[in-house]
Amino acid sequence: MFYDATLYMSNSKFVTLSSSIPIYNSLFKHLEKLVDVNDKNYCNSSEVRIAILKGYKNLKHTIRKQMIRIPMQLQLVIIFFQFFFV
């Protein structure tokens, strides 16, 4: 999952919000499945789950940091997009 996302984004000449938001959302969902006990993709290794949770937090932090740099009007458009189309 992460390999495919990295390849897609690094091979793009220009990474746009419309292409990166769905990628980040799919990465979040994938990480959430790995730590959800009720999911078939649950990771049994506690050490790996700890690393997954750290990665999840880092990914959220990175996105929040990037959002600070985006003007407020654009942030509202992004939130609207995520709420209605994801």
PDB file of N, CA and C in Angstrom:
ATOM      1  N   MET A   1       0.826  -1.192   0.000  1.00  0.00           N
ATOM      2  CA  MET A   1       0.000   0.000   0.000  1.00  0.00           C
ATOM      3  C   MET A   1       0.870   1.255   0.000  1.00  0.00           C
ATOM      4  N   PHE A   2       1.814   1.350   0.928  1.00  0.00           N
ATOM      5  CA  PHE A   2       2.670   2.527   1.000  1.00  0.00           C
ATOM      6  C   PHE A   2       3.607   2.599  -0.208  1.00  0.00           C
ATOM      7  N   TYR A   3       4.069   1.454  -0.647  1.00  0.00           N
ATOM      8  CA  TYR A   3       4.945   1.418  -1.816  1.00  0.00           C
ATOM      9  C   TYR A   3       4.210   1.955  -3.046  1.00  0.00           C
ATOM     10  N   ASP A   4       2.987   1.495  -3.247  1.00  0.00           N
ATOM     11  CA  ASP A   4       2.195   1.950  -4.393  1.00  0.00           C
ATOM     12  C   ASP A   4       1.908   3.451  -4.309  1.00  0.00           C
ATOM     13  N   ALA A   5       1.576   3.928  -3.117  1.00  0.00           N
ATOM     14  CA  ALA A   5       1.303   5.353  -2.944  1.00  0.00           C
ATOM     15  C   ALA A   5       2.556   6.185  -3.215  1.00  0.00           C
ATOM     16  N   THR A   6       3.695   5.697  -2.742  1.00  0.00           N
ATOM     17  CA  THR A   6       4.959   6.404  -2.980  1.00  0.00           C
ATOM     18  C   THR A   6       5.294   6.444  -4.465  1.00  0.00           C
ATOM     19  N   LEU A   7       5.130   5.319  -5.125  1.00  0.00           N
ATOM     20  CA  LEU A   7       5.392   5.273  -6.571  1.00  0.00           C
ATOM     21  C   LEU A   7       4.491   6.229  -7.334  1.00  0.00           C
ATOM     22  N   TYR A   8       3.205   6.201  -7.010  1.00  0.00           N
ATOM     23  CA  TYR A   8       2.256   7.047  -7.714  1.00  0.00           C
ATOM     24  C   TYR A   8       2.605   8.524  -7.546  1.00  0.00           C
ATOM     25  N   MET A   9       2.871   8.923  -6.302  1.00  0.00           N
ATOM     26  CA  MET A   9       3.143  10.340  -6.043  1.00  0.00           C
ATOM     27  C   MET A   9       4.504  10.768  -6.584  1.00  0.00           C
ATOM     28  N   SER A  10       5.490   9.893  -6.530  1.00  0.00           N
ATOM     29  CA  SER A  10       6.814  10.281  -7.010  1.00  0.00           C
ATOM     30  C   SER A  10       6.889  10.278  -8.537  1.00  0.00           C
ATOM     31  N   ASN A  11       6.021   9.513  -9.197  1.00  0.00           N
ATOM     32  CA  ASN A  11       6.012   9.498 -10.657  1.00  0.00           C
ATOM     33  C   ASN A  11       5.157  10.603 -11.258  1.00  0.00           C
ATOM     34  N   SER A  12       4.383  11.278 -10.424  1.00  0.00           N
ATOM     35  CA  SER A  12       3.561  12.373 -10.916  1.00  0.00           C
ATOM     36  C   SER A  12       4.431  13.608 -11.107  1.00  0.00           C
ATOM     37  N   LYS A  13       4.205  14.278 -12.218  1.00  0.00           N
ATOM     38  CA  LYS A  13       4.967  15.503 -12.468  1.00  0.00           C
ATOM     39  C   LYS A  13       4.564  16.584 -11.467  1.00  0.00           C
ATOM     40  N   PHE A  14       3.259  16.680 -11.212  1.00  0.00           N
ATOM     41  CA  PHE A  14       2.731  17.630 -10.244  1.00  0.00           C
ATOM     42  C   PHE A  14       1.758  16.893  -9.335  1.00  0.00           C
ATOM     43  N   VAL A  15       2.021  16.913  -8.045  1.00  0.00           N
ATOM     44  CA  VAL A  15       1.106  16.291  -7.095  1.00  0.00           C
ATOM     45  C   VAL A  15       0.084  17.354  -6.697  1.00  0.00           C
ATOM     46  N   THR A  16      -1.180  17.058  -6.931  1.00  0.00           N
ATOM     47  CA  THR A  16      -2.237  18.018  -6.637  1.00  0.00           C
ATOM     48  C   THR A  16      -3.035  17.557  -5.425  1.00  0.00           C
ATOM     49  N   LEU A  17      -3.817  18.484  -4.868  1.00  0.00           N
ATOM     50  CA  LEU A  17      -4.668  18.133  -3.732  1.00  0.00           C
ATOM     51  C   LEU A  17      -5.673  17.056  -4.109  1.00  0.00           C
ATOM     52  N   SER A  18      -6.201  17.159  -5.316  1.00  0.00           N
ATOM     53  CA  SER A  18      -7.213  16.184  -5.724  1.00  0.00           C
ATOM     54  C   SER A  18      -6.633  14.779  -5.851  1.00  0.00           C
ATOM     55  N   SER A  19      -5.337  14.676  -6.065  1.00  0.00           N
ATOM     56  CA  SER A  19      -4.728  13.337  -6.135  1.00  0.00           C
ATOM     57  C   SER A  19      -4.136  12.901  -4.803  1.00  0.00           C
ATOM     58  N   SER A  20      -3.687  13.824  -3.975  1.00  0.00           N
ATOM     59  CA  SER A  20      -3.024  13.432  -2.733  1.00  0.00           C
ATOM     60  C   SER A  20      -3.992  13.144  -1.585  1.00  0.00           C
ATOM     61  N   ILE A  21      -5.126  13.835  -1.526  1.00  0.00           N
ATOM     62  CA  ILE A  21      -6.072  13.610  -0.429  1.00  0.00           C
ATOM     63  C   ILE A  21      -6.593  12.175  -0.427  1.00  0.00           C
ATOM     64  N   PRO A  22      -7.040  11.641  -1.562  1.00  0.00           N
ATOM     65  CA  PRO A  22      -7.492  10.240  -1.536  1.00  0.00           C
ATOM     66  C   PRO A  22      -6.387   9.263  -1.163  1.00  0.00           C
ATOM     67  N   ILE A  23      -5.150   9.560  -1.541  1.00  0.00           N
ATOM     68  CA  ILE A  23      -4.030   8.687  -1.191  1.00  0.00           C
ATOM     69  C   ILE A  23      -3.814   8.687   0.320  1.00  0.00           C
ATOM     70  N   TYR A  24      -3.789   9.882   0.923  1.00  0.00           N
ATOM     71  CA  TYR A  24      -3.635   9.963   2.378  1.00  0.00           C
ATOM     72  C   TYR A  24      -4.788   9.248   3.082  1.00  0.00           C
ATOM     73  N   ASN A  25      -6.003   9.437   2.595  1.00  0.00           N
ATOM     74  CA  ASN A  25      -7.160   8.779   3.220  1.00  0.00           C
ATOM     75  C   ASN A  25      -7.043   7.264   3.133  1.00  0.00           C
ATOM     76  N   SER A  26      -6.601   6.748   1.996  1.00  0.00           N
ATOM     77  CA  SER A  26      -6.468   5.291   1.871  1.00  0.00           C
ATOM     78  C   SER A  26      -5.352   4.765   2.776  1.00  0.00           C
ATOM     79  N   LEU A  27      -4.282   5.540   2.955  1.00  0.00           N
ATOM     80  CA  LEU A  27      -3.216   5.135   3.872  1.00  0.00           C
ATOM     81  C   LEU A  27      -3.725   5.104   5.311  1.00  0.00           C
ATOM     82  N   PHE A  28      -4.503   6.121   5.704  1.00  0.00           N
ATOM     83  CA  PHE A  28      -5.085   6.132   7.050  1.00  0.00           C
ATOM     84  C   PHE A  28      -5.966   4.907   7.270  1.00  0.00           C
ATOM     85  N   LYS A  29      -6.842   4.613   6.318  1.00  0.00           N
ATOM     86  CA  LYS A  29      -7.737   3.467   6.453  1.00  0.00           C
ATOM     87  C   LYS A  29      -6.952   2.164   6.557  1.00  0.00           C
ATOM     88  N   HIS A  30      -5.894   2.051   5.770  1.00  0.00           N
ATOM     89  CA  HIS A  30      -5.065   0.842   5.810  1.00  0.00           C
ATOM     90  C   HIS A  30      -4.423   0.670   7.190  1.00  0.00           C
ATOM     91  N   LEU A  31      -3.868   1.753   7.727  1.00  0.00           N
ATOM     92  CA  LEU A  31      -3.245   1.686   9.051  1.00  0.00           C
ATOM     93  C   LEU A  31      -4.279   1.354  10.123  1.00  0.00           C
ATOM     94  N   GLU A  32      -5.468   1.942  10.015  1.00  0.00           N
ATOM     95  CA  GLU A  32      -6.512   1.663  10.991  1.00  0.00           C
ATOM     96  C   GLU A  32      -6.919   0.190  10.976  1.00  0.00           C
ATOM     97  N   LYS A  33      -6.971  -0.417   9.805  1.00  0.00           N
ATOM     98  CA  LYS A  33      -7.324  -1.836   9.700  1.00  0.00           C
ATOM     99  C   LYS A  33      -6.278  -2.721  10.382  1.00  0.00           C
ATOM    100  N   LEU A  34      -5.017  -2.325  10.274  1.00  0.00           N
ATOM    101  CA  LEU A  34      -3.949  -3.141  10.840  1.00  0.00           C
ATOM    102  C   LEU A  34      -3.966  -3.176  12.366  1.00  0.00           C
ATOM    103  N   VAL A  35      -4.552  -2.178  13.003  1.00  0.00           N
ATOM    104  CA  VAL A  35      -4.593  -2.149  14.467  1.00  0.00           C
ATOM    105  C   VAL A  35      -5.988  -2.442  15.016  1.00  0.00           C
ATOM    106  N   ASP A  36      -6.961  -2.684  14.146  1.00  0.00           N
ATOM    107  CA  ASP A  36      -8.327  -3.003  14.564  1.00  0.00           C
ATOM    108  C   ASP A  36      -8.452  -4.508  14.800  1.00  0.00           C
ATOM    109  N   VAL A  37      -8.717  -4.884  16.037  1.00  0.00           N
ATOM    110  CA  VAL A  37      -8.791  -6.298  16.428  1.00  0.00           C
ATOM    111  C   VAL A  37      -9.858  -7.044  15.622  1.00  0.00           C
ATOM    112  N   ASN A  38     -10.913  -6.370  15.238  1.00  0.00           N
ATOM    113  CA  ASN A  38     -12.026  -7.016  14.545  1.00  0.00           C
ATOM    114  C   ASN A  38     -11.838  -7.096  13.030  1.00  0.00           C
ATOM    115  N   ASP A  39     -10.759  -6.551  12.514  1.00  0.00           N
ATOM    116  CA  ASP A  39     -10.524  -6.559  11.075  1.00  0.00           C
ATOM    117  C   ASP A  39      -9.700  -7.774  10.665  1.00  0.00           C
ATOM    118  N   LYS A  40      -9.951  -8.267   9.455  1.00  0.00           N
ATOM    119  CA  LYS A  40      -9.210  -9.451   8.984  1.00  0.00           C
ATOM    120  C   LYS A  40      -7.733  -9.140   8.730  1.00  0.00           C
ATOM    121  N   ASN A  41      -7.382  -7.864   8.557  1.00  0.00           N
ATOM    122  CA  ASN A  41      -5.990  -7.471   8.313  1.00  0.00           C
ATOM    123  C   ASN A  41      -5.229  -7.146   9.595  1.00  0.00           C
ATOM    124  N   TYR A  42      -5.828  -7.454  10.745  1.00  0.00           N
ATOM    125  CA  TYR A  42      -5.224  -7.147  12.040  1.00  0.00           C
ATOM    126  C   TYR A  42      -3.818  -7.740  12.146  1.00  0.00           C
ATOM    127  N   CYS A  43      -2.900  -6.930  12.655  1.00  0.00           N
ATOM    128  CA  CYS A  43      -1.519  -7.371  12.839  1.00  0.00           C
ATOM    129  C   CYS A  43      -1.376  -7.945  14.252  1.00  0.00           C
ATOM    130  N   ASN A  44      -0.951  -9.188  14.358  1.00  0.00           N
ATOM    131  CA  ASN A  44      -0.853  -9.860  15.655  1.00  0.00           C
ATOM    132  C   ASN A  44       0.362  -9.436  16.477  1.00  0.00           C
ATOM    133  N   SER A  45       1.356  -8.887  15.847  1.00  0.00           N
ATOM    134  CA  SER A  45       2.585  -8.512  16.550  1.00  0.00           C
ATOM    135  C   SER A  45       2.401  -7.174  17.273  1.00  0.00           C
ATOM    136  N   SER A  46       2.564  -7.187  18.588  1.00  0.00           N
ATOM    137  CA  SER A  46       2.399  -5.946  19.359  1.00  0.00           C
ATOM    138  C   SER A  46       3.474  -4.919  19.002  1.00  0.00           C
ATOM    139  N   GLU A  47       4.689  -5.388  18.713  1.00  0.00           N
ATOM    140  CA  GLU A  47       5.764  -4.459  18.334  1.00  0.00           C
ATOM    141  C   GLU A  47       5.432  -3.756  17.022  1.00  0.00           C
ATOM    142  N   VAL A  48       4.902  -4.495  16.076  1.00  0.00           N
ATOM    143  CA  VAL A  48       4.544  -3.910  14.782  1.00  0.00           C
ATOM    144  C   VAL A  48       3.364  -2.956  14.949  1.00  0.00           C
ATOM    145  N   ARG A  49       2.390  -3.313  15.785  1.00  0.00           N
ATOM    146  CA  ARG A  49       1.250  -2.424  16.029  1.00  0.00           C
ATOM    147  C   ARG A  49       1.701  -1.111  16.642  1.00  0.00           C
ATOM    148  N   ILE A  50       2.668  -1.164  17.548  1.00  0.00           N
ATOM    149  CA  ILE A  50       3.199   0.067  18.151  1.00  0.00           C
ATOM    150  C   ILE A  50       3.834   0.937  17.063  1.00  0.00           C
ATOM    151  N   ALA A  51       4.595   0.322  16.171  1.00  0.00           N
ATOM    152  CA  ALA A  51       5.215   1.063  15.072  1.00  0.00           C
ATOM    153  C   ALA A  51       4.150   1.630  14.128  1.00  0.00           C
ATOM    154  N   ILE A  52       3.098   0.858  13.882  1.00  0.00           N
ATOM    155  CA  ILE A  52       2.008   1.322  13.016  1.00  0.00           C
ATOM    156  C   ILE A  52       1.340   2.549  13.630  1.00  0.00           C
ATOM    157  N   LEU A  53       1.066   2.500  14.928  1.00  0.00           N
ATOM    158  CA  LEU A  53       0.428   3.641  15.587  1.00  0.00           C
ATOM    159  C   LEU A  53       1.317   4.879  15.554  1.00  0.00           C
ATOM    160  N   LYS A  54       2.628   4.689  15.691  1.00  0.00           N
ATOM    161  CA  LYS A  54       3.549   5.827  15.582  1.00  0.00           C
ATOM    162  C   LYS A  54       3.518   6.400  14.171  1.00  0.00           C
ATOM    163  N   GLY A  55       3.496   5.525  13.169  1.00  0.00           N
ATOM    164  CA  GLY A  55       3.407   5.982  11.778  1.00  0.00           C
ATOM    165  C   GLY A  55       2.109   6.719  11.516  1.00  0.00           C
ATOM    166  N   TYR A  56       1.033   6.223  12.088  1.00  0.00           N
ATOM    167  CA  TYR A  56      -0.286   6.846  11.946  1.00  0.00           C
ATOM    168  C   TYR A  56      -0.257   8.260  12.524  1.00  0.00           C
ATOM    169  N   LYS A  57       0.304   8.383  13.720  1.00  0.00           N
ATOM    170  CA  LYS A  57       0.397   9.706  14.355  1.00  0.00           C
ATOM    171  C   LYS A  57       1.292  10.644  13.556  1.00  0.00           C
ATOM    172  N   ASN A  58       2.413  10.131  13.040  1.00  0.00           N
ATOM    173  CA  ASN A  58       3.311  10.966  12.232  1.00  0.00           C
ATOM    174  C   ASN A  58       2.636  11.438  10.957  1.00  0.00           C
ATOM    175  N   LEU A  59       1.876  10.560  10.314  1.00  0.00           N
ATOM    176  CA  LEU A  59       1.178  10.923   9.088  1.00  0.00           C
ATOM    177  C   LEU A  59       0.140  12.009   9.370  1.00  0.00           C
ATOM    178  N   LYS A  60      -0.597  11.869  10.467  1.00  0.00           N
ATOM    179  CA  LYS A  60      -1.573  12.902  10.847  1.00  0.00           C
ATOM    180  C   LYS A  60      -0.874  14.226  11.144  1.00  0.00           C
ATOM    181  N   HIS A  61       0.242  14.159  11.852  1.00  0.00           N
ATOM    182  CA  HIS A  61       0.989  15.377  12.184  1.00  0.00           C
ATOM    183  C   HIS A  61       1.493  16.076  10.918  1.00  0.00           C
ATOM    184  N   THR A  62       1.993  15.302   9.983  1.00  0.00           N
ATOM    185  CA  THR A  62       2.500  15.870   8.729  1.00  0.00           C
ATOM    186  C   THR A  62       1.385  16.566   7.966  1.00  0.00           C
ATOM    187  N   ILE A  63       0.229  15.941   7.912  1.00  0.00           N
ATOM    188  CA  ILE A  63      -0.892  16.545   7.196  1.00  0.00           C
ATOM    189  C   ILE A  63      -1.347  17.816   7.890  1.00  0.00           C
ATOM    190  N   ARG A  64      -1.426  17.801   9.213  1.00  0.00           N
ATOM    191  CA  ARG A  64      -1.817  19.010   9.946  1.00  0.00           C
ATOM    192  C   ARG A  64      -0.820  20.139   9.707  1.00  0.00           C
ATOM    193  N   LYS A  65       0.450  19.802   9.700  1.00  0.00           N
ATOM    194  CA  LYS A  65       1.488  20.807   9.474  1.00  0.00           C
ATOM    195  C   LYS A  65       1.339  21.426   8.083  1.00  0.00           C
ATOM    196  N   GLN A  66       1.020  20.601   7.101  1.00  0.00           N
ATOM    197  CA  GLN A  66       0.833  21.104   5.745  1.00  0.00           C
ATOM    198  C   GLN A  66      -0.425  21.957   5.639  1.00  0.00           C
ATOM    199  N   MET A  67      -1.454  21.604   6.402  1.00  0.00           N
ATOM    200  CA  MET A  67      -2.709  22.358   6.354  1.00  0.00           C
ATOM    201  C   MET A  67      -2.532  23.780   6.864  1.00  0.00           C
ATOM    202  N   ILE A  68      -1.598  23.983   7.776  1.00  0.00           N
ATOM    203  CA  ILE A  68      -1.352  25.326   8.311  1.00  0.00           C
ATOM    204  C   ILE A  68      -0.890  26.256   7.196  1.00  0.00           C
ATOM    205  N   ARG A  69      -0.187  25.730   6.230  1.00  0.00           N
ATOM    206  CA  ARG A  69       0.354  26.537   5.137  1.00  0.00           C
ATOM    207  C   ARG A  69      -0.685  26.869   4.065  1.00  0.00           C
ATOM    208  N   ILE A  70      -1.819  26.211   4.106  1.00  0.00           N
ATOM    209  CA  ILE A  70      -2.843  26.411   3.080  1.00  0.00           C
ATOM    210  C   ILE A  70      -3.819  27.491   3.549  1.00  0.00           C
ATOM    211  N   PRO A  71      -4.177  28.418   2.668  1.00  0.00           N
ATOM    212  CA  PRO A  71      -5.140  29.463   3.052  1.00  0.00           C
ATOM    213  C   PRO A  71      -6.462  28.861   3.541  1.00  0.00           C
ATOM    214  N   MET A  72      -7.154  29.573   4.423  1.00  0.00           N
ATOM    215  CA  MET A  72      -8.374  29.074   5.051  1.00  0.00           C
ATOM    216  C   MET A  72      -9.442  28.684   4.034  1.00  0.00           C
ATOM    217  N   GLN A  73      -9.618  29.454   2.966  1.00  0.00           N
ATOM    218  CA  GLN A  73     -10.647  29.126   1.982  1.00  0.00           C
ATOM    219  C   GLN A  73     -10.386  27.764   1.360  1.00  0.00           C
ATOM    220  N   LEU A  74      -9.138  27.479   1.074  1.00  0.00           N
ATOM    221  CA  LEU A  74      -8.786  26.201   0.477  1.00  0.00           C
ATOM    222  C   LEU A  74      -8.975  25.068   1.475  1.00  0.00           C
ATOM    223  N   GLN A  75      -8.706  25.319   2.744  1.00  0.00           N
ATOM    224  CA  GLN A  75      -8.928  24.293   3.773  1.00  0.00           C
ATOM    225  C   GLN A  75     -10.408  23.924   3.841  1.00  0.00           C
ATOM    226  N   LEU A  76     -11.280  24.911   3.722  1.00  0.00           N
ATOM    227  CA  LEU A  76     -12.714  24.636   3.747  1.00  0.00           C
ATOM    228  C   LEU A  76     -13.135  23.792   2.550  1.00  0.00           C
ATOM    229  N   VAL A  77     -12.560  24.064   1.402  1.00  0.00           N
ATOM    230  CA  VAL A  77     -12.855  23.265   0.208  1.00  0.00           C
ATOM    231  C   VAL A  77     -12.393  21.826   0.424  1.00  0.00           C
ATOM    232  N   ILE A  78     -11.220  21.649   1.012  1.00  0.00           N
ATOM    233  CA  ILE A  78     -10.686  20.313   1.270  1.00  0.00           C
ATOM    234  C   ILE A  78     -11.592  19.563   2.245  1.00  0.00           C
ATOM    235  N   ILE A  79     -12.014  20.220   3.311  1.00  0.00           N
ATOM    236  CA  ILE A  79     -12.901  19.588   4.298  1.00  0.00           C
ATOM    237  C   ILE A  79     -14.221  19.210   3.638  1.00  0.00           C
ATOM    238  N   PHE A  80     -14.756  20.103   2.833  1.00  0.00           N
ATOM    239  CA  PHE A  80     -15.992  19.816   2.106  1.00  0.00           C
ATOM    240  C   PHE A  80     -15.810  18.593   1.214  1.00  0.00           C
ATOM    241  N   PHE A  81     -14.708  18.547   0.499  1.00  0.00           N
ATOM    242  CA  PHE A  81     -14.416  17.427  -0.400  1.00  0.00           C
ATOM    243  C   PHE A  81     -14.348  16.113   0.377  1.00  0.00           C
ATOM    244  N   GLN A  82     -13.643  16.118   1.490  1.00  0.00           N
ATOM    245  CA  GLN A  82     -13.494  14.898   2.279  1.00  0.00           C
ATOM    246  C   GLN A  82     -14.824  14.445   2.867  1.00  0.00           C
ATOM    247  N   PHE A  83     -15.639  15.409   3.292  1.00  0.00           N
ATOM    248  CA  PHE A  83     -16.899  15.066   3.935  1.00  0.00           C
ATOM    249  C   PHE A  83     -17.891  14.466   2.948  1.00  0.00           C
ATOM    250  N   PHE A  84     -17.964  15.025   1.743  1.00  0.00           N
ATOM    251  CA  PHE A  84     -18.993  14.602   0.814  1.00  0.00           C
ATOM    252  C   PHE A  84     -18.536  13.575  -0.227  1.00  0.00           C
ATOM    253  N   PHE A  85     -17.250  13.479  -0.482  1.00  0.00           N
ATOM    254  CA  PHE A  85     -16.813  12.633  -1.592  1.00  0.00           C
ATOM    255  C   PHE A  85     -15.912  11.480  -1.190  1.00  0.00           C
ATOM    256  N   VAL A  86     -15.586  11.327   0.080  1.00  0.00           N
ATOM    257  CA  VAL A  86     -14.707  10.244   0.493  1.00  0.00           C
ATOM    258  C   VAL A  86     -15.447   9.269   1.359  1.00  0.00           C
TER     259      VAL A  86
END
